[in-house]
Amino acid sequence: MEDQYNYYNPNENYNYGDSQSGGSNGEQAGQKPPKKEKKSSHGVPKTLAIVGFAVLFGVVSSVVFLASNLIGSRLLGLQNGVDTSSVSSDKISNGTALSTSSSVVTSDVSAVVEKVMPSIVSITSMSVEEVQSLFGDTYQKTSEGAGTGIIIGKNDEELLIVTNNHVVSGSDTLTVTFDDETSVEAYIKGMDSNYDVAVISVPLESISEDTMSAISVATLGDSTSLKVGEPAIAIGNALGYGQSVTTGVISALNRSVSTTEGQTGEAQESSAKLIQTDAAINGGNSGGALVNINGEVIGINSAKLVGTSVEGIGYAIPISDVTDLIQNLMNQETKTKVDEADRGMIGISGISVSDAFSQQIEMPSGVYVIEITAGGGADKAGMTKGCIITAINGSTVDSMDALQEQLEYYAKGEKVTLTIQVPQSNGEFEEQTVEVTLQ
């Protein structure tokens, strides 16, 4: 049964009709009208008295109605809702804290979006993998993924874009679509699976002058100064349909979140303490921008919490936590995948040490080396079993999947620098770097 509601509007205008009587002279039918020169003067005061009484009655009624309306509004607390959008300019200029009505600022974020949108790109990833059927046959399966990126700078040859590692991980080709709907091929610059951050690049020579004039570099904000409750705007390629905008607030800070990644489906906990927001973040939003009301990027949209009892919980990587990491990834050489037959190998066997597991056993996360191949690159570099590989050429690796994916970009005979943690007699680990020639 539908509930019935009665609405009362304290500002509604009510109109009352005034009854007007015809001009009666008070004479009975059949009476002989008096001569004009003998008209009684007593009729004038009587008429004025009636009119005066009517006016007085109307004034009193109006005053009573207005008074009861005002009292009712105050008693019911309705008067405060008359104008919730006005904040006097003197309060703003004097630095006085805004009232709760200042929330109307977030109702129109078109100016912020117009400022930020040219720095946001859509990313389409294509990957090809061999799949075995139930009958033992193998065939190639092409998969397509959608994500988002943020233009963060350029060098002499490339435009640089930051996104999530899981957006570009495992891809064979990457396509970037700019704000003017033009699309170009992009390449991996650097990846970090631990923080789920990656930088990709687009050659400047493949970008037209018209597109260059239509795009911009994003302005990075300070995520360390965020306050719970302040406005947040998420921009991204939701569901691969193109750029869209959702709004909300900063719901919480410093959240620890575990996500499922890799071929093993192993739970990985991000090293960054994430920003929680109720701005909708869906598939395709990953790698997009979480911005403040000034249009500054305060986070990289990363994940959302999914469940039948969950609503409005999304996460973003605080931009201030990964600024140095992004700079490091920007400075790496652009990578292109090497044909499988030409790929180099380190010469080890290892197992993954996830971040969650490493905390339990007090061991660094990465790839635990259980065997060294005799005569291989690792053996010649002096590596020993029991050490843990944590990075290759500056890119953090937290699993065997991450290490093998990095090796897809290096050919036989190339040299790579491995960051390893070597166990000490006191139970501690010492960080070292070794140069390994891939074989």
Protein backbone atom coordinates (compact mmCIF):
# COMPACT_ATOMS: atom_id res chain seq x y z
CA MET A 1 0.00 0.00 0.00
CA GLU A 2 1.42 3.33 -1.07
CA ASP A 3 1.96 5.83 1.73
CA GLN A 4 0.22 9.14 1.45
CA TYR A 5 2.10 12.29 2.30
CA ASN A 6 0.87 15.77 2.87
CA TYR A 7 3.17 18.61 1.94
CA TYR A 8 3.13 22.03 3.49
CA ASN A 9 4.78 24.95 1.83
CA PRO A 10 5.36 27.88 4.18
CA ASN A 11 5.98 30.13 1.20
CA GLU A 12 2.82 29.27 -0.67
CA ASN A 13 0.60 32.23 -1.44
CA TYR A 14 -3.03 31.89 -0.62
CA ASN A 15 -5.58 34.23 -2.41
CA TYR A 16 -8.89 35.07 -0.92
CA GLY A 17 -11.75 36.54 -3.04
CA ASP A 18 -13.32 39.74 -1.74
CA SER A 19 -17.15 39.75 -1.87
CA GLN A 20 -18.45 42.92 -3.38
CA SER A 21 -22.09 43.83 -3.06
CA GLY A 22 -23.90 45.95 -5.54
CA GLY A 23 -24.59 49.57 -4.70
CA SER A 24 -27.96 49.22 -2.86
CA ASN A 25 -29.68 52.36 -1.68
CA GLY A 26 -31.70 50.50 0.98
CA GLU A 27 -35.04 51.30 -0.59
CA GLN A 28 -38.02 48.93 -0.71
CA ALA A 29 -39.89 48.12 -3.88
CA GLY A 30 -42.65 50.41 -4.68
CA GLN A 31 -41.38 53.29 -2.59
CA LYS A 32 -41.40 56.61 -4.18
CA PRO A 33 -37.88 57.80 -4.61
CA PRO A 34 -37.15 60.94 -2.71
CA LYS A 35 -36.38 64.11 -4.49
CA LYS A 36 -32.73 64.84 -4.94
CA GLU A 37 -32.89 68.02 -3.01
CA LYS A 38 -34.39 66.13 -0.06
CA LYS A 39 -31.92 63.09 0.06
CA SER A 40 -31.21 62.06 3.65
CA SER A 41 -27.63 62.66 4.86
CA HIS A 42 -27.84 59.68 7.24
CA GLY A 43 -27.15 57.15 4.37
CA VAL A 44 -23.52 58.28 3.86
CA PRO A 45 -22.20 57.59 7.39
CA LYS A 46 -23.94 54.23 7.38
CA THR A 47 -22.21 53.16 4.14
CA LEU A 48 -18.83 54.37 5.34
CA ALA A 49 -19.27 52.40 8.56
CA ILE A 50 -19.96 49.20 6.66
CA VAL A 51 -16.95 49.66 4.35
CA GLY A 52 -14.69 50.55 7.28
CA PHE A 53 -15.77 47.47 9.19
CA ALA A 54 -15.02 45.27 6.15
CA VAL A 55 -11.55 46.78 5.74
CA LEU A 56 -10.82 46.35 9.43
CA PHE A 57 -11.92 42.73 9.29
CA GLY A 58 -9.66 42.05 6.30
CA VAL A 59 -6.63 43.64 7.96
CA VAL A 60 -7.13 41.71 11.20
CA SER A 61 -7.61 38.44 9.28
CA SER A 62 -4.43 39.01 7.28
CA VAL A 63 -2.39 39.79 10.40
CA VAL A 64 -3.70 36.70 12.18
CA PHE A 65 -2.96 34.49 9.16
CA LEU A 66 0.57 35.82 8.68
CA ALA A 67 1.33 35.54 12.40
CA SER A 68 0.11 31.93 12.57
CA ASN A 69 2.05 31.08 9.41
CA LEU A 70 5.28 32.54 10.85
CA ILE A 71 4.83 30.85 14.24
CA GLY A 72 4.04 27.53 12.58
CA SER A 73 7.15 27.78 10.40
CA ARG A 74 9.37 28.49 13.40
CA LEU A 75 7.83 25.72 15.51
CA LEU A 76 8.14 23.16 12.73
CA GLY A 77 11.65 24.28 11.77
CA LEU A 78 10.59 24.88 8.19
CA GLN A 79 11.85 28.40 7.85
CA ASN A 80 15.49 27.27 7.74
CA GLY A 81 14.79 25.38 4.53
CA VAL A 82 13.67 28.45 2.64
CA ASP A 83 17.12 29.27 1.29
CA THR A 84 19.79 26.62 1.77
CA SER A 85 22.04 27.84 -0.98
CA SER A 86 22.94 31.33 0.15
CA VAL A 87 26.17 32.08 1.99
CA SER A 88 27.01 35.72 2.47
CA SER A 89 30.15 36.90 0.73
CA ASP A 90 31.45 38.60 3.86
CA LYS A 91 31.64 35.24 5.63
CA ILE A 92 33.73 33.79 2.81
CA SER A 93 36.05 36.81 2.64
CA ASN A 94 36.54 36.77 6.40
CA GLY A 95 37.44 33.10 6.36
CA THR A 96 34.43 32.07 8.47
CA ALA A 97 33.58 28.40 8.17
CA LEU A 98 30.81 27.76 5.64
CA SER A 99 27.50 26.38 6.84
CA THR A 100 26.21 22.98 5.75
CA SER A 101 24.42 24.67 2.86
CA SER A 102 27.81 24.98 1.17
CA SER A 103 27.23 21.42 -0.10
CA VAL A 104 25.54 22.99 -3.11
CA VAL A 105 29.06 23.65 -4.42
CA THR A 106 29.31 20.00 -5.47
CA SER A 107 25.95 19.97 -7.26
CA ASP A 108 27.53 21.52 -10.35
CA VAL A 109 31.04 20.30 -11.10
CA SER A 110 30.93 21.07 -14.81
CA ALA A 111 33.69 23.69 -14.53
CA VAL A 112 35.96 21.20 -12.73
CA VAL A 113 35.24 18.48 -15.28
CA GLU A 114 35.88 20.86 -18.17
CA LYS A 115 39.28 21.64 -16.67
CA VAL A 116 40.30 18.02 -15.98
CA MET A 117 38.81 16.09 -18.91
CA PRO A 118 41.50 17.01 -21.50
CA SER A 119 44.08 15.26 -19.28
CA ILE A 120 42.12 11.97 -19.09
CA VAL A 121 42.45 9.17 -21.67
CA SER A 122 40.69 5.88 -22.31
CA ILE A 123 42.89 2.78 -22.54
CA THR A 124 42.01 -0.35 -24.48
CA SER A 125 44.21 -3.41 -23.95
CA MET A 126 44.33 -6.43 -26.23
CA SER A 127 45.90 -9.73 -25.26
CA VAL A 128 46.23 -13.05 -27.03
CA GLU A 129 46.66 -16.30 -25.16
CA GLU A 130 46.65 -19.96 -26.07
CA VAL A 131 43.76 -21.89 -24.57
CA GLN A 132 43.38 -25.65 -24.48
CA SER A 133 39.96 -27.09 -25.21
CA LEU A 134 38.33 -30.07 -23.51
CA PHE A 135 39.45 -32.23 -26.42
CA GLY A 136 43.12 -31.31 -26.07
CA ASP A 137 43.23 -28.89 -28.97
CA THR A 138 44.80 -25.47 -28.51
CA TYR A 139 43.57 -22.23 -30.00
CA GLN A 140 44.29 -18.54 -29.55
CA LYS A 141 41.86 -16.44 -27.57
CA THR A 142 41.81 -12.67 -27.87
CA SER A 143 40.74 -10.68 -24.83
CA GLU A 144 39.96 -6.99 -24.66
CA GLY A 145 40.06 -4.84 -21.55
CA ALA A 146 39.14 -1.25 -20.78
CA GLY A 147 40.75 1.22 -18.41
CA THR A 148 41.66 4.86 -17.92
CA GLY A 149 44.84 6.90 -17.73
CA ILE A 150 45.97 10.36 -16.61
CA ILE A 151 48.37 12.49 -18.67
CA ILE A 152 51.14 13.48 -16.25
CA GLY A 153 53.87 14.87 -18.46
CA LYS A 154 56.01 14.51 -21.55
CA ASN A 155 59.65 14.36 -22.56
CA ASP A 156 61.32 15.18 -25.84
CA GLU A 157 59.88 12.14 -27.58
CA GLU A 158 56.89 10.84 -25.60
CA LEU A 159 53.67 11.77 -23.87
CA LEU A 160 53.54 10.06 -20.47
CA ILE A 161 50.41 8.60 -18.90
CA VAL A 162 49.91 6.98 -15.48
CA THR A 163 47.41 4.20 -14.89
CA ASN A 164 46.93 1.04 -12.84
CA ASN A 165 49.31 -1.86 -13.36
CA HIS A 166 46.40 -4.28 -13.67
CA VAL A 167 45.01 -2.23 -16.59
CA VAL A 168 48.06 -2.88 -18.78
CA SER A 169 49.41 -6.07 -17.24
CA GLY A 170 49.50 -8.99 -19.69
CA SER A 171 48.52 -6.87 -22.68
CA ASP A 172 49.99 -7.40 -26.13
CA THR A 173 48.82 -4.09 -27.55
CA LEU A 174 47.60 -0.86 -25.94
CA THR A 175 45.44 1.83 -27.53
CA VAL A 176 44.94 5.27 -26.02
CA THR A 177 41.94 7.45 -26.92
CA PHE A 178 42.22 11.17 -26.17
CA ASP A 179 39.53 13.68 -25.28
CA ASP A 180 39.05 14.59 -28.97
CA GLU A 181 38.27 10.91 -29.75
CA THR A 182 41.52 10.27 -31.66
CA SER A 183 43.26 6.96 -30.90
CA VAL A 184 46.95 6.00 -31.02
CA GLU A 185 49.07 3.05 -29.94
CA ALA A 186 50.82 3.22 -26.56
CA TYR A 187 53.71 1.33 -25.00
CA ILE A 188 54.73 0.20 -21.53
CA LYS A 189 57.19 2.53 -19.81
CA GLY A 190 57.35 1.02 -16.34
CA MET A 191 55.19 -1.11 -14.03
CA ASP A 192 54.93 -1.71 -10.30
CA SER A 193 52.65 -4.52 -9.23
CA ASN A 194 53.19 -3.84 -5.54
CA TYR A 195 51.52 -0.43 -5.67
CA ASP A 196 49.42 -1.30 -8.76
CA VAL A 197 50.85 1.63 -10.73
CA ALA A 198 52.14 1.76 -14.30
CA VAL A 199 53.33 4.44 -16.70
CA ILE A 200 52.73 4.11 -20.45
CA SER A 201 53.95 6.33 -23.26
CA VAL A 202 52.74 7.59 -26.63
CA PRO A 203 55.28 8.78 -29.24
CA LEU A 204 54.79 12.50 -29.87
CA GLU A 205 55.22 11.92 -33.58
CA SER A 206 52.00 9.88 -33.62
CA ILE A 207 49.94 12.71 -32.09
CA SER A 208 48.55 15.35 -34.44
CA GLU A 209 48.87 19.08 -33.75
CA ASP A 210 45.10 19.37 -33.33
CA THR A 211 45.12 16.66 -30.67
CA MET A 212 48.09 18.21 -28.88
CA SER A 213 46.19 21.48 -28.64
CA ALA A 214 43.12 19.66 -27.29
CA ILE A 215 44.84 17.78 -24.45
CA SER A 216 46.59 18.90 -21.29
CA VAL A 217 48.75 17.66 -18.44
CA ALA A 218 46.90 16.99 -15.18
CA THR A 219 47.58 19.03 -12.06
CA LEU A 220 48.56 16.83 -9.12
CA GLY A 221 47.22 17.70 -5.67
CA ASP A 222 48.25 16.86 -2.12
CA SER A 223 46.49 13.75 -0.85
CA THR A 224 48.10 14.12 2.60
CA SER A 225 45.87 17.11 3.33
CA LEU A 226 42.57 15.37 2.57
CA LYS A 227 39.75 15.49 5.08
CA VAL A 228 36.93 13.01 5.46
CA GLY A 229 33.74 14.50 4.07
CA GLU A 230 35.24 16.82 1.48
CA PRO A 231 33.95 16.53 -2.11
CA ALA A 232 35.46 13.98 -4.50
CA ILE A 233 34.95 13.61 -8.25
CA ALA A 234 35.80 10.39 -10.12
CA ILE A 235 36.45 10.54 -13.88
CA GLY A 236 37.03 7.47 -15.99
CA ASN A 237 36.16 5.17 -18.86
CA ALA A 238 33.40 3.32 -16.99
CA LEU A 239 32.57 -0.05 -18.57
CA GLY A 240 34.53 1.01 -21.65
CA TYR A 241 31.75 3.32 -22.85
CA GLY A 242 33.91 6.46 -22.76
CA GLN A 243 34.62 9.08 -20.13
CA SER A 244 31.99 9.66 -17.46
CA VAL A 245 31.80 11.53 -14.17
CA THR A 246 30.57 10.52 -10.72
CA THR A 247 30.60 12.57 -7.54
CA GLY A 248 30.74 11.86 -3.83
CA VAL A 249 32.90 12.58 -0.82
CA ILE A 250 36.06 11.28 0.81
CA SER A 251 34.55 8.51 2.95
CA ALA A 252 37.70 7.39 4.78
CA LEU A 253 41.49 7.51 4.61
CA ASN A 254 44.34 5.02 5.04
CA ARG A 255 42.32 1.92 4.16
CA SER A 256 44.12 -1.42 3.77
CA VAL A 257 42.57 -3.45 0.96
CA SER A 258 43.35 -6.90 -0.45
CA THR A 259 42.62 -7.59 -4.11
CA THR A 260 42.80 -10.76 -6.19
CA GLU A 261 45.38 -10.62 -8.94
CA GLY A 262 47.55 -12.85 -11.07
CA GLN A 263 46.91 -16.18 -12.68
CA THR A 264 46.84 -17.94 -9.35
CA GLY A 265 44.06 -15.74 -7.99
CA GLU A 266 46.19 -15.01 -4.97
CA ALA A 267 45.10 -12.20 -2.66
CA GLN A 268 47.45 -9.23 -2.81
CA GLU A 269 47.40 -6.32 -0.38
CA SER A 270 48.37 -2.98 -1.82
CA SER A 271 51.37 -1.32 -0.21
CA ALA A 272 49.53 2.00 -0.37
CA LYS A 273 46.92 2.92 2.22
CA LEU A 274 43.96 3.75 0.02
CA ILE A 275 41.40 6.54 -0.11
CA GLN A 276 37.80 5.36 0.29
CA THR A 277 35.08 7.24 -1.57
CA ASP A 278 31.39 6.81 -2.33
CA ALA A 279 31.83 8.26 -5.83
CA ALA A 280 30.92 5.35 -8.11
CA ILE A 281 33.97 3.47 -9.43
CA ASN A 282 33.19 0.67 -11.87
CA GLY A 283 35.05 -1.50 -14.34
CA GLY A 284 36.96 0.72 -16.76
CA ASN A 285 37.37 3.47 -14.15
CA SER A 286 40.63 1.86 -13.01
CA GLY A 287 43.57 4.16 -13.60
CA GLY A 288 41.34 7.23 -13.80
CA ALA A 289 41.46 10.37 -11.72
CA LEU A 290 39.95 11.10 -8.36
CA VAL A 291 40.02 14.90 -8.13
CA ASN A 292 39.13 17.50 -5.56
CA ILE A 293 36.89 20.52 -6.03
CA ASN A 294 39.86 22.47 -7.42
CA GLY A 295 40.39 19.96 -10.23
CA GLU A 296 43.62 18.57 -8.74
CA VAL A 297 44.31 14.83 -8.95
CA ILE A 298 44.33 13.46 -5.41
CA GLY A 299 44.14 9.76 -6.25
CA ILE A 300 44.26 7.08 -8.94
CA ASN A 301 41.02 5.10 -9.02
CA SER A 302 41.88 1.48 -8.38
CA ALA A 303 39.15 -0.79 -7.06
CA LYS A 304 35.66 -1.12 -5.63
CA LEU A 305 34.21 -3.36 -2.95
CA VAL A 306 31.62 -5.74 -4.38
CA GLY A 307 28.95 -7.68 -2.51
CA THR A 308 25.21 -8.01 -2.04
CA SER A 309 25.38 -5.98 1.15
CA VAL A 310 27.85 -3.39 -0.18
CA GLU A 311 27.05 -0.08 -1.80
CA GLY A 312 29.14 2.98 -2.54
CA ILE A 313 32.61 1.79 -1.48
CA GLY A 314 35.39 2.53 -3.94
CA TYR A 315 39.13 3.01 -3.50
CA ALA A 316 41.85 5.18 -4.97
CA ILE A 317 45.63 5.22 -4.56
CA PRO A 318 46.69 8.47 -2.82
CA ILE A 319 48.71 10.44 -5.36
CA SER A 320 51.21 11.73 -2.79
CA ASP A 321 52.13 8.16 -1.81
CA VAL A 322 53.24 7.23 -5.32
CA THR A 323 54.67 10.49 -6.72
CA ASP A 324 58.29 9.33 -6.37
CA LEU A 325 57.42 5.91 -7.78
CA ILE A 326 55.70 7.47 -10.80
CA GLN A 327 58.75 9.65 -11.42
CA ASN A 328 60.95 6.55 -11.37
CA LEU A 329 58.70 4.71 -13.82
CA MET A 330 58.65 7.76 -16.12
CA ASN A 331 62.44 7.65 -16.34
CA GLN A 332 62.62 4.02 -17.44
CA GLU A 333 63.16 2.96 -21.04
CA THR A 334 60.06 2.27 -23.07
CA LYS A 335 59.45 -1.47 -23.38
CA THR A 336 58.26 -3.57 -26.28
CA LYS A 337 57.57 -7.26 -25.98
CA VAL A 338 60.10 -9.68 -27.39
CA ASP A 339 59.09 -12.74 -29.40
CA GLU A 340 58.75 -15.73 -27.10
CA ALA A 341 61.57 -17.63 -28.80
CA ASP A 342 63.97 -14.73 -28.21
CA ARG A 343 63.14 -13.97 -24.57
CA GLY A 344 65.89 -14.19 -22.01
CA MET A 345 65.88 -16.15 -18.74
CA ILE A 346 67.49 -15.42 -15.39
CA GLY A 347 68.21 -19.06 -14.62
CA ILE A 348 66.30 -19.66 -11.38
CA SER A 349 63.32 -21.53 -9.99
CA GLY A 350 61.25 -19.63 -7.47
CA ILE A 351 57.95 -19.23 -5.67
CA SER A 352 55.88 -16.16 -4.86
CA VAL A 353 56.01 -14.58 -1.43
CA SER A 354 52.89 -12.43 -1.19
CA ASP A 355 52.76 -9.34 0.95
CA ALA A 356 50.27 -10.94 3.34
CA PHE A 357 52.38 -14.09 3.71
CA SER A 358 55.62 -12.13 4.10
CA GLN A 359 54.16 -10.27 7.07
CA GLN A 360 53.34 -13.55 8.78
CA ILE A 361 56.83 -15.02 8.38
CA GLU A 362 58.72 -11.69 8.55
CA MET A 363 60.19 -12.06 5.09
CA PRO A 364 60.25 -9.52 2.23
CA SER A 365 57.60 -10.00 -0.46
CA GLY A 366 58.82 -10.96 -3.91
CA VAL A 367 60.18 -14.13 -5.54
CA TYR A 368 61.90 -16.61 -3.23
CA VAL A 369 64.70 -18.39 -5.12
CA ILE A 370 64.56 -22.13 -4.40
CA GLU A 371 67.06 -23.23 -7.04
CA ILE A 372 69.86 -21.71 -9.16
CA THR A 373 70.45 -23.14 -12.65
CA ALA A 374 74.10 -24.10 -13.00
CA GLY A 375 75.85 -21.95 -15.59
CA GLY A 376 72.87 -19.64 -15.92
CA GLY A 377 72.85 -15.88 -15.65
CA ALA A 378 71.96 -15.84 -11.94
CA ASP A 379 74.69 -18.38 -11.17
CA LYS A 380 77.31 -16.35 -13.00
CA ALA A 381 76.16 -13.20 -11.17
CA GLY A 382 76.79 -14.90 -7.83
CA MET A 383 73.18 -15.31 -6.71
CA THR A 384 72.39 -18.08 -4.22
CA LYS A 385 69.19 -19.88 -3.36
CA GLY A 386 67.30 -18.45 -0.42
CA CYS A 387 67.51 -14.88 -1.63
CA ILE A 388 64.40 -12.97 -2.63
CA ILE A 389 64.06 -11.00 -5.88
CA THR A 390 62.09 -7.81 -5.22
CA ALA A 391 62.69 -5.74 -8.39
CA ILE A 392 64.02 -5.88 -11.93
CA ASN A 393 65.45 -2.72 -13.48
CA GLY A 394 63.68 -0.64 -10.85
CA SER A 395 60.23 -2.20 -11.32
CA THR A 396 58.96 -3.90 -8.19
CA VAL A 397 57.93 -7.55 -8.46
CA ASP A 398 55.89 -9.30 -5.79
CA SER A 399 55.27 -12.66 -7.45
CA MET A 400 56.58 -15.08 -10.08
CA ASP A 401 53.84 -13.87 -12.43
CA ALA A 402 55.09 -10.30 -12.10
CA LEU A 403 58.73 -11.34 -12.69
CA GLN A 404 57.88 -13.44 -15.74
CA GLU A 405 55.79 -10.62 -17.17
CA GLN A 406 58.71 -8.22 -16.83
CA LEU A 407 61.03 -10.68 -18.59
CA GLU A 408 58.75 -10.63 -21.64
CA TYR A 409 60.38 -7.30 -22.56
CA TYR A 410 64.01 -8.52 -22.49
CA ALA A 411 65.85 -10.65 -25.04
CA LYS A 412 68.65 -13.14 -24.64
CA GLY A 413 72.00 -11.49 -24.07
CA GLU A 414 70.52 -8.34 -22.50
CA LYS A 415 71.63 -7.31 -19.03
CA VAL A 416 69.14 -6.58 -16.25
CA THR A 417 69.70 -5.29 -12.75
CA LEU A 418 67.97 -7.34 -10.06
CA THR A 419 67.26 -6.05 -6.57
CA ILE A 420 67.51 -8.94 -4.14
CA GLN A 421 67.15 -9.46 -0.40
CA VAL A 422 69.90 -11.73 0.94
CA PRO A 423 69.32 -13.56 4.26
CA GLN A 424 71.83 -12.88 7.04
CA SER A 425 72.91 -15.06 9.95
CA ASN A 426 70.94 -12.94 12.40
CA GLY A 427 67.68 -13.61 10.57
CA GLU A 428 67.61 -10.21 8.89
CA PHE A 429 67.77 -9.54 5.15
CA GLU A 430 70.26 -7.27 3.39
CA GLU A 431 69.36 -5.54 0.13
CA GLN A 432 71.81 -5.96 -2.75
CA THR A 433 71.78 -5.36 -6.51
CA VAL A 434 73.24 -7.76 -9.05
CA GLU A 435 73.63 -7.49 -12.83
CA VAL A 436 72.47 -10.58 -14.66
CA THR A 437 73.03 -11.40 -18.33
CA LEU A 438 69.94 -13.18 -19.59
CA GLN A 439 70.42 -16.53 -21.30
